[in-house]
Protein backbone atom coordinates (compact mmCIF):
# COMPACT_ATOMS: atom_id res chain seq x y z
CA MET A 1 124.92 93.51 140.34
CA ALA A 2 122.54 92.10 137.76
CA ASP A 3 119.02 90.85 138.38
CA GLU A 4 119.58 87.53 136.64
CA TYR A 5 122.50 85.11 136.30
CA VAL A 6 123.06 82.23 133.91
CA VAL A 7 124.86 79.00 134.76
CA THR A 8 128.02 78.73 132.63
CA ALA A 9 129.44 75.54 134.18
CA PRO A 10 128.03 72.11 133.28
CA TYR A 11 126.42 71.79 136.75
CA VAL A 12 126.42 73.91 139.93
CA THR A 13 124.92 73.59 143.42
CA PRO A 14 124.50 77.11 144.80
CA LYS A 15 122.71 77.94 148.03
CA VAL A 16 119.24 79.15 147.04
CA ARG A 17 115.88 79.90 148.64
CA ASP A 18 113.63 76.89 149.10
CA ASN A 19 110.34 77.21 147.23
CA VAL A 20 108.36 75.75 150.16
CA ASP A 21 109.51 77.47 153.35
CA GLY A 22 111.92 80.12 152.00
CA GLY A 23 114.93 78.73 153.89
CA TRP A 24 118.37 78.29 152.29
CA VAL A 25 119.06 74.94 150.59
CA TYR A 26 121.63 73.61 148.14
CA ARG A 27 120.04 72.90 144.77
CA GLY A 28 121.59 71.74 141.52
CA PHE A 29 121.30 73.63 138.23
CA TYR A 30 122.52 72.65 134.78
CA LYS A 31 124.29 74.84 132.21
CA ASP A 32 122.14 77.73 130.83
CA ALA A 33 119.75 77.69 133.82
CA VAL A 34 118.77 81.20 134.90
CA LEU A 35 118.76 82.31 138.54
CA ARG A 36 117.30 85.55 139.84
CA SER A 37 119.43 87.52 142.30
CA GLU A 38 116.82 87.20 145.08
CA GLN A 39 116.90 83.37 144.74
CA ILE A 40 120.59 82.88 145.43
CA GLU A 41 122.37 83.51 148.72
CA PRO A 42 124.80 86.48 148.30
CA GLU A 43 127.94 84.62 149.44
CA SER A 44 127.10 81.66 147.20
CA LEU A 45 126.51 84.07 144.31
CA ARG A 46 129.93 85.71 144.82
CA HIS A 47 131.62 82.30 145.03
CA HIS A 48 130.03 81.06 141.78
CA LEU A 49 130.66 84.34 139.95
CA ASP A 50 134.33 84.41 141.05
CA GLY A 51 134.72 80.78 139.95
CA GLY A 52 133.27 81.49 136.50
CA MET A 53 130.36 79.13 137.11
CA LEU A 54 127.73 81.90 136.84
CA ALA A 55 127.65 85.03 134.71
CA GLU A 56 125.46 88.08 134.61
CA ARG A 57 122.69 87.46 132.13
CA GLU A 58 122.62 89.82 129.17
CA GLN A 59 119.29 91.56 129.05
CA PRO A 60 117.88 91.61 125.55
CA ALA A 61 117.68 95.03 123.98
CA PRO A 62 114.14 96.34 123.86
CA GLU A 63 112.35 95.82 120.58
CA PRO A 64 112.54 98.97 118.51
CA ALA A 65 109.21 100.67 118.13
CA ALA A 66 107.48 99.92 114.88
CA PRO A 67 107.80 102.83 112.50
CA GLU A 68 104.71 104.88 111.93
CA PRO A 69 102.99 103.70 108.77
CA VAL A 70 103.30 106.08 105.88
CA VAL A 71 99.85 106.95 104.70
CA GLU A 72 99.76 107.94 101.08
CA THR A 73 97.22 110.69 100.70
CA PRO A 74 96.27 111.88 97.28
CA PRO A 75 96.95 115.52 96.62
CA ALA A 76 94.01 117.75 97.43
CA VAL A 77 91.91 118.45 94.37
CA VAL A 78 91.21 122.16 94.15
CA ARG A 79 88.42 123.42 91.94
CA PRO A 80 89.84 125.75 89.28
CA LYS A 81 88.96 129.41 89.09
CA VAL A 82 86.60 130.60 86.37
CA GLY A 83 89.47 132.37 84.58
CA ASP A 84 91.71 129.25 84.49
CA PRO A 85 92.34 127.68 81.06
CA LYS A 86 90.02 124.99 79.68
CA GLU A 87 92.79 122.35 80.10
CA THR A 88 92.74 123.00 83.87
CA TRP A 89 88.95 122.47 83.88
CA ILE A 90 89.36 119.26 81.84
CA ALA A 91 91.92 117.91 84.32
CA PHE A 92 89.55 118.80 87.17
CA ALA A 93 86.61 117.12 85.41
CA VAL A 94 88.68 113.94 85.05
CA THR A 95 89.29 113.88 88.84
CA GLN A 96 85.55 114.22 89.41
CA ARG A 97 84.55 111.38 87.06
CA PRO A 98 81.90 108.92 88.25
CA LYS A 99 83.12 105.70 89.85
CA GLY A 100 83.68 103.08 87.19
CA GLN A 101 84.39 105.54 84.37
CA SER A 102 87.92 105.30 83.01
CA GLU A 103 90.22 108.29 83.05
CA ALA A 104 90.51 108.14 79.24
CA ASP A 105 86.73 108.17 78.77
CA ALA A 106 86.34 111.06 81.24
CA ARG A 107 89.06 113.04 79.45
CA THR A 108 87.46 112.44 76.02
CA GLU A 109 84.06 113.53 77.35
CA ALA A 110 85.50 116.65 79.06
CA GLU A 111 87.46 117.65 75.94
CA ALA A 112 84.24 117.48 73.92
CA THR A 113 82.51 119.79 76.43
CA SER A 114 82.85 123.57 76.28
CA LYS A 115 84.65 125.41 79.08
CA ALA A 116 81.38 127.14 80.02
CA ASP A 117 79.62 123.76 80.33
CA LEU A 118 82.49 122.36 82.44
CA ILE A 119 82.22 125.40 84.74
CA ALA A 120 78.44 124.93 84.96
CA ALA A 121 78.81 121.20 85.66
CA PHE A 122 81.58 121.46 88.26
CA GLY A 123 80.75 124.78 89.89
CA GLY A 124 82.30 128.03 88.97
């Protein structure tokens, strides 16, 4: 049996627990009212279920867990080896540019610098 029942008839008067002293009383409920199984007397519950006046309440499916956010991480910048071509050192110098300097300006500056000076500036 379910834990909760919904009234499907326009109006029902099942035997339920009194809120004050806990005894059984007849109380009226309108369509779509929800009753918990411990509120309603078992024989009255069976009678109203068999008569189509109550139905087991569908429990909502649990909310799916929010997907883990995808964190975009930039690829790791690896310092080139001394024997790598100058173009590799230029590309590395561009990634190391000061904040506020454009990529184009950093590239122009690095291209005008010798490979030896790039190695000296960015550690070789």
